[in-house]
Amino acid sequence: MNRFTRKVHFTNKEKASELSSTSSWIQCDTVWSVIRPIVVCGCETLVLKDNIIQRLSVFERKILRKIFGPTKEDNGIWRIKTNKELDELINHRNVINYVKAQRLSWFGHINRMPETSIVRKIYKWKPSTSRPVGKPKSQWEDDVRHDLRKMKLIKWVERVQVLLKWKDIIEKTKILPEL
């Protein structure tokens, strides 16, 4: 038996199958409005490394599997939902896309600030000391620009100045499956 078809044991299988989609979506809204902001607090300045992406994704999938429960196959066998099924259930609005959208929002905010702003000065500041030998650490701005390239946004400098256009880009970021 592979890992996708193993049985899920419940004390009351009938109760698990009666879980209505309405209550699942209410629970999902609770996760998105209460738990997700706590988990991603301060994410605007985060450099997303592979281990952070993995941990956030695993955490979110654990919660979603509890909310949506198991799937009953035609032959009567219960199985856990696959990652792909969970992703389709939430319409690709996963925590990683949320973090990337928050970063893009902050990136746009910084780039719309006047040059005299303290935050903008710190963002543009370059240290005068030399960097350590070896491969440089990935930087926040490089990570954001990589996301912009993945989204195929070439003229982002002009789009970031118009707030409504930038907000549309951020909303599209939240549902992109390949980002």
C-alpha atoms as a PDB file:
ATOM      1  CA  MET A   1       0.000   0.000   0.000  1.00  0.00           C
ATOM      2  CA  ASN A   2       1.546   3.340  -0.985  1.00  0.00           C
ATOM      3  CA  ARG A   3       1.476   6.423   1.192  1.00  0.00           C
ATOM      4  CA  PHE A   4      -1.494   7.979  -0.617  1.00  0.00           C
ATOM      5  CA  THR A   5      -3.826   5.000  -0.164  1.00  0.00           C
ATOM      6  CA  ARG A   6      -3.134   4.068   3.426  1.00  0.00           C
ATOM      7  CA  LYS A   7      -6.149   3.978   5.690  1.00  0.00           C
ATOM      8  CA  VAL A   8      -6.965   6.808   8.014  1.00  0.00           C
ATOM      9  CA  HIS A   9      -8.383   5.564  11.294  1.00  0.00           C
ATOM     10  CA  PHE A  10     -11.133   7.449  13.055  1.00  0.00           C
ATOM     11  CA  THR A  11     -13.136   6.567  16.120  1.00  0.00           C
ATOM     12  CA  ASN A  12     -16.260   7.710  14.311  1.00  0.00           C
ATOM     13  CA  LYS A  13     -15.908   7.417  10.515  1.00  0.00           C
ATOM     14  CA  GLU A  14     -19.507   8.456   9.923  1.00  0.00           C
ATOM     15  CA  LYS A  15     -18.918  11.750  11.670  1.00  0.00           C
ATOM     16  CA  ALA A  16     -15.807  12.379   9.536  1.00  0.00           C
ATOM     17  CA  SER A  17     -17.750  11.737   6.332  1.00  0.00           C
ATOM     18  CA  GLU A  18     -20.577  14.050   7.421  1.00  0.00           C
ATOM     19  CA  LEU A  19     -18.220  17.008   7.732  1.00  0.00           C
ATOM     20  CA  SER A  20     -19.936  19.562   5.552  1.00  0.00           C
ATOM     21  CA  SER A  21     -17.999  21.753   3.192  1.00  0.00           C
ATOM     22  CA  THR A  22     -19.526  24.835   4.830  1.00  0.00           C
ATOM     23  CA  SER A  23     -17.995  24.090   8.220  1.00  0.00           C
ATOM     24  CA  SER A  24     -14.685  23.278   6.512  1.00  0.00           C
ATOM     25  CA  TRP A  25     -14.636  26.675   4.852  1.00  0.00           C
ATOM     26  CA  ILE A  26     -15.509  28.390   8.131  1.00  0.00           C
ATOM     27  CA  GLN A  27     -12.549  26.631   9.731  1.00  0.00           C
ATOM     28  CA  CYS A  28     -10.393  27.575   6.747  1.00  0.00           C
ATOM     29  CA  ASP A  29     -11.407  31.236   7.136  1.00  0.00           C
ATOM     30  CA  THR A  30     -10.428  30.997  10.797  1.00  0.00           C
ATOM     31  CA  VAL A  31      -7.008  29.690   9.803  1.00  0.00           C
ATOM     32  CA  TRP A  32      -6.548  32.471   7.252  1.00  0.00           C
ATOM     33  CA  SER A  33      -7.682  35.236   9.595  1.00  0.00           C
ATOM     34  CA  VAL A  34      -6.204  34.075  12.913  1.00  0.00           C
ATOM     35  CA  ILE A  35      -3.393  31.543  12.494  1.00  0.00           C
ATOM     36  CA  ARG A  36      -1.800  32.674   9.215  1.00  0.00           C
ATOM     37  CA  PRO A  37      -1.086  36.278  10.392  1.00  0.00           C
ATOM     38  CA  ILE A  38       0.591  34.919  13.519  1.00  0.00           C
ATOM     39  CA  VAL A  39       2.725  32.465  11.540  1.00  0.00           C
ATOM     40  CA  VAL A  40       3.862  34.995   8.941  1.00  0.00           C
ATOM     41  CA  CYS A  41       4.286  38.009  11.226  1.00  0.00           C
ATOM     42  CA  GLY A  42       7.146  40.097   9.866  1.00  0.00           C
ATOM     43  CA  CYS A  43       7.362  38.091   6.675  1.00  0.00           C
ATOM     44  CA  GLU A  44       7.705  41.219   4.534  1.00  0.00           C
ATOM     45  CA  THR A  45      11.417  41.282   5.242  1.00  0.00           C
ATOM     46  CA  LEU A  46      12.011  37.538   5.046  1.00  0.00           C
ATOM     47  CA  VAL A  47      14.456  35.929   2.627  1.00  0.00           C
ATOM     48  CA  LEU A  48      12.677  32.699   1.700  1.00  0.00           C
ATOM     49  CA  LYS A  49      15.170  29.866   1.816  1.00  0.00           C
ATOM     50  CA  ASP A  50      14.236  26.306   0.932  1.00  0.00           C
ATOM     51  CA  ASN A  51      14.077  25.133   4.545  1.00  0.00           C
ATOM     52  CA  ILE A  52      11.715  27.979   5.524  1.00  0.00           C
ATOM     53  CA  ILE A  53       9.481  27.263   2.525  1.00  0.00           C
ATOM     54  CA  GLN A  54       9.402  23.574   3.465  1.00  0.00           C
ATOM     55  CA  ARG A  55       8.524  24.219   7.108  1.00  0.00           C
ATOM     56  CA  LEU A  56       5.760  26.706   6.292  1.00  0.00           C
ATOM     57  CA  SER A  57       4.270  24.404   3.662  1.00  0.00           C
ATOM     58  CA  VAL A  58       4.294  21.367   5.971  1.00  0.00           C
ATOM     59  CA  PHE A  59       2.665  23.368   8.773  1.00  0.00           C
ATOM     60  CA  GLU A  60      -0.081  24.650   6.489  1.00  0.00           C
ATOM     61  CA  ARG A  61      -0.787  21.221   4.985  1.00  0.00           C
ATOM     62  CA  LYS A  62      -1.091  19.672   8.479  1.00  0.00           C
ATOM     63  CA  ILE A  63      -3.763  22.209   9.361  1.00  0.00           C
ATOM     64  CA  LEU A  64      -5.591  21.802   6.047  1.00  0.00           C
ATOM     65  CA  ARG A  65      -5.638  18.013   6.393  1.00  0.00           C
ATOM     66  CA  LYS A  66      -7.247  18.374   9.807  1.00  0.00           C
ATOM     67  CA  ILE A  67      -9.836  20.805   8.422  1.00  0.00           C
ATOM     68  CA  PHE A  68     -10.814  18.990   5.234  1.00  0.00           C
ATOM     69  CA  GLY A  69     -10.403  15.493   6.611  1.00  0.00           C
ATOM     70  CA  PRO A  70      -9.859  12.277   4.688  1.00  0.00           C
ATOM     71  CA  THR A  71     -11.275  11.181   1.340  1.00  0.00           C
ATOM     72  CA  LYS A  72     -13.346   8.041   0.978  1.00  0.00           C
ATOM     73  CA  GLU A  73     -12.494   6.087  -2.163  1.00  0.00           C
ATOM     74  CA  ASP A  74     -15.062   4.221  -4.271  1.00  0.00           C
ATOM     75  CA  ASN A  75     -13.922   0.925  -2.763  1.00  0.00           C
ATOM     76  CA  GLY A  76     -14.596   2.182   0.786  1.00  0.00           C
ATOM     77  CA  ILE A  77     -10.983   2.831   1.757  1.00  0.00           C
ATOM     78  CA  TRP A  78     -10.203   6.076   3.557  1.00  0.00           C
ATOM     79  CA  ARG A  79      -7.066   7.973   2.544  1.00  0.00           C
ATOM     80  CA  ILE A  80      -5.465  11.302   3.360  1.00  0.00           C
ATOM     81  CA  LYS A  81      -5.702  14.071   0.786  1.00  0.00           C
ATOM     82  CA  THR A  82      -2.646  14.604  -1.410  1.00  0.00           C
ATOM     83  CA  ASN A  83      -0.762  17.899  -1.496  1.00  0.00           C
ATOM     84  CA  LYS A  84      -2.142  18.575  -4.969  1.00  0.00           C
ATOM     85  CA  GLU A  85      -5.736  18.033  -3.788  1.00  0.00           C
ATOM     86  CA  LEU A  86      -5.203  20.409  -0.867  1.00  0.00           C
ATOM     87  CA  ASP A  87      -3.684  23.018  -3.158  1.00  0.00           C
ATOM     88  CA  GLU A  88      -6.678  22.820  -5.499  1.00  0.00           C
ATOM     89  CA  LEU A  89      -9.102  23.052  -2.565  1.00  0.00           C
ATOM     90  CA  ILE A  90      -7.613  26.362  -1.443  1.00  0.00           C
ATOM     91  CA  ASN A  91      -7.222  27.636  -5.033  1.00  0.00           C
ATOM     92  CA  HIS A  92      -3.418  27.916  -4.767  1.00  0.00           C
ATOM     93  CA  ARG A  93      -3.760  30.512  -1.981  1.00  0.00           C
ATOM     94  CA  ASN A  94      -1.038  28.894   0.099  1.00  0.00           C
ATOM     95  CA  VAL A  95       1.115  30.456   2.778  1.00  0.00           C
ATOM     96  CA  ILE A  96       4.168  30.793   0.507  1.00  0.00           C
ATOM     97  CA  ASN A  97       2.260  32.838  -2.071  1.00  0.00           C
ATOM     98  CA  TYR A  98       0.867  34.921   0.789  1.00  0.00           C
ATOM     99  CA  VAL A  99       4.372  35.653   2.081  1.00  0.00           C
ATOM    100  CA  LYS A 100       5.571  36.550  -1.427  1.00  0.00           C
ATOM    101  CA  ALA A 101       2.591  38.864  -1.906  1.00  0.00           C
ATOM    102  CA  GLN A 102       3.335  40.583   1.404  1.00  0.00           C
ATOM    103  CA  ARG A 103       6.960  41.071   0.345  1.00  0.00           C
ATOM    104  CA  LEU A 104       5.873  42.564  -2.976  1.00  0.00           C
ATOM    105  CA  SER A 105       3.519  44.885  -1.123  1.00  0.00           C
ATOM    106  CA  TRP A 106       6.360  46.091   1.114  1.00  0.00           C
ATOM    107  CA  PHE A 107       8.683  46.367  -1.903  1.00  0.00           C
ATOM    108  CA  GLY A 108       6.155  48.591  -3.673  1.00  0.00           C
ATOM    109  CA  HIS A 109       5.650  50.676  -0.557  1.00  0.00           C
ATOM    110  CA  ILE A 110       9.383  51.311  -0.214  1.00  0.00           C
ATOM    111  CA  ASN A 111       9.766  52.203  -3.896  1.00  0.00           C
ATOM    112  CA  ARG A 112       6.880  54.710  -3.732  1.00  0.00           C
ATOM    113  CA  MET A 113       8.432  56.520  -0.756  1.00  0.00           C
ATOM    114  CA  PRO A 114      10.203  59.825  -1.357  1.00  0.00           C
ATOM    115  CA  GLU A 115      14.005  59.726  -1.524  1.00  0.00           C
ATOM    116  CA  THR A 116      14.205  61.725   1.722  1.00  0.00           C
ATOM    117  CA  SER A 117      12.358  59.068   3.746  1.00  0.00           C
ATOM    118  CA  ILE A 118      14.466  57.357   6.428  1.00  0.00           C
ATOM    119  CA  VAL A 119      13.216  53.899   5.420  1.00  0.00           C
ATOM    120  CA  ARG A 120      14.134  54.564   1.783  1.00  0.00           C
ATOM    121  CA  LYS A 121      17.593  55.812   2.791  1.00  0.00           C
ATOM    122  CA  ILE A 122      18.215  52.639   4.809  1.00  0.00           C
ATOM    123  CA  TYR A 123      16.965  50.515   1.897  1.00  0.00           C
ATOM    124  CA  LYS A 124      19.359  52.220  -0.535  1.00  0.00           C
ATOM    125  CA  TRP A 125      22.298  52.322   1.899  1.00  0.00           C
ATOM    126  CA  LYS A 126      25.379  50.301   0.972  1.00  0.00           C
ATOM    127  CA  PRO A 127      27.930  49.431   3.682  1.00  0.00           C
ATOM    128  CA  SER A 128      31.445  50.741   3.174  1.00  0.00           C
ATOM    129  CA  THR A 129      33.158  47.635   4.541  1.00  0.00           C
ATOM    130  CA  SER A 130      34.185  44.670   2.435  1.00  0.00           C
ATOM    131  CA  ARG A 131      32.109  41.503   2.359  1.00  0.00           C
ATOM    132  CA  PRO A 132      33.415  38.198   3.684  1.00  0.00           C
ATOM    133  CA  VAL A 133      35.053  35.750   1.285  1.00  0.00           C
ATOM    134  CA  GLY A 134      32.841  33.110  -0.328  1.00  0.00           C
ATOM    135  CA  LYS A 135      29.419  32.931  -1.826  1.00  0.00           C
ATOM    136  CA  PRO A 136      27.360  35.966  -0.819  1.00  0.00           C
ATOM    137  CA  LYS A 137      24.201  35.374   1.214  1.00  0.00           C
ATOM    138  CA  SER A 138      20.956  35.782  -0.654  1.00  0.00           C
ATOM    139  CA  GLN A 139      19.503  39.224  -0.093  1.00  0.00           C
ATOM    140  CA  TRP A 140      15.882  40.263   0.288  1.00  0.00           C
ATOM    141  CA  GLU A 141      15.870  42.497  -2.778  1.00  0.00           C
ATOM    142  CA  ASP A 142      17.352  39.754  -4.961  1.00  0.00           C
ATOM    143  CA  ASP A 143      14.667  37.365  -3.754  1.00  0.00           C
ATOM    144  CA  VAL A 144      11.887  39.849  -4.587  1.00  0.00           C
ATOM    145  CA  ARG A 145      13.354  40.623  -8.007  1.00  0.00           C
ATOM    146  CA  HIS A 146      13.555  36.878  -8.686  1.00  0.00           C
ATOM    147  CA  ASP A 147       9.809  36.646  -7.949  1.00  0.00           C
ATOM    148  CA  LEU A 148       9.168  39.571 -10.318  1.00  0.00           C
ATOM    149  CA  ARG A 149      11.103  37.771 -13.071  1.00  0.00           C
ATOM    150  CA  LYS A 150       9.111  34.588 -12.457  1.00  0.00           C
ATOM    151  CA  MET A 151       5.925  36.614 -12.873  1.00  0.00           C
ATOM    152  CA  LYS A 152       7.382  38.068 -16.093  1.00  0.00           C
ATOM    153  CA  LEU A 153       7.061  41.655 -14.865  1.00  0.00           C
ATOM    154  CA  ILE A 154       9.625  43.590 -16.826  1.00  0.00           C
ATOM    155  CA  LYS A 155       8.538  47.214 -16.347  1.00  0.00           C
ATOM    156  CA  TRP A 156       7.816  46.949 -12.641  1.00  0.00           C
ATOM    157  CA  VAL A 157       9.413  50.357 -11.917  1.00  0.00           C
ATOM    158  CA  GLU A 158       6.535  52.157 -13.663  1.00  0.00           C
ATOM    159  CA  ARG A 159       3.840  49.839 -12.288  1.00  0.00           C
ATOM    160  CA  VAL A 160       4.964  50.200  -8.696  1.00  0.00           C
ATOM    161  CA  GLN A 161       4.287  53.960  -8.797  1.00  0.00           C
ATOM    162  CA  VAL A 162       0.573  53.400  -9.532  1.00  0.00           C
ATOM    163  CA  LEU A 163      -0.866  51.890  -6.363  1.00  0.00           C
ATOM    164  CA  LEU A 164      -3.961  50.303  -7.935  1.00  0.00           C
ATOM    165  CA  LYS A 165      -1.935  48.516 -10.619  1.00  0.00           C
ATOM    166  CA  TRP A 166       0.510  47.281  -7.992  1.00  0.00           C
ATOM    167  CA  LYS A 167      -2.331  45.970  -5.791  1.00  0.00           C
ATOM    168  CA  ASP A 168      -3.665  43.995  -8.770  1.00  0.00           C
ATOM    169  CA  ILE A 169      -0.221  42.444  -9.222  1.00  0.00           C
ATOM    170  CA  ILE A 170      -0.121  41.533  -5.517  1.00  0.00           C
ATOM    171  CA  GLU A 171      -3.553  39.866  -5.706  1.00  0.00           C
ATOM    172  CA  LYS A 172      -2.438  37.840  -8.744  1.00  0.00           C
ATOM    173  CA  THR A 173       0.641  36.763  -6.806  1.00  0.00           C
ATOM    174  CA  LYS A 174      -1.520  35.166  -4.103  1.00  0.00           C
ATOM    175  CA  ILE A 175      -3.037  32.632  -6.527  1.00  0.00           C
ATOM    176  CA  LEU A 176      -0.146  31.853  -8.895  1.00  0.00           C
ATOM    177  CA  PRO A 177       0.555  28.117  -8.690  1.00  0.00           C
ATOM    178  CA  GLU A 178       4.071  28.339 -10.166  1.00  0.00           C
ATOM    179  CA  LEU A 179       5.413  31.150  -7.982  1.00  0.00           C
END
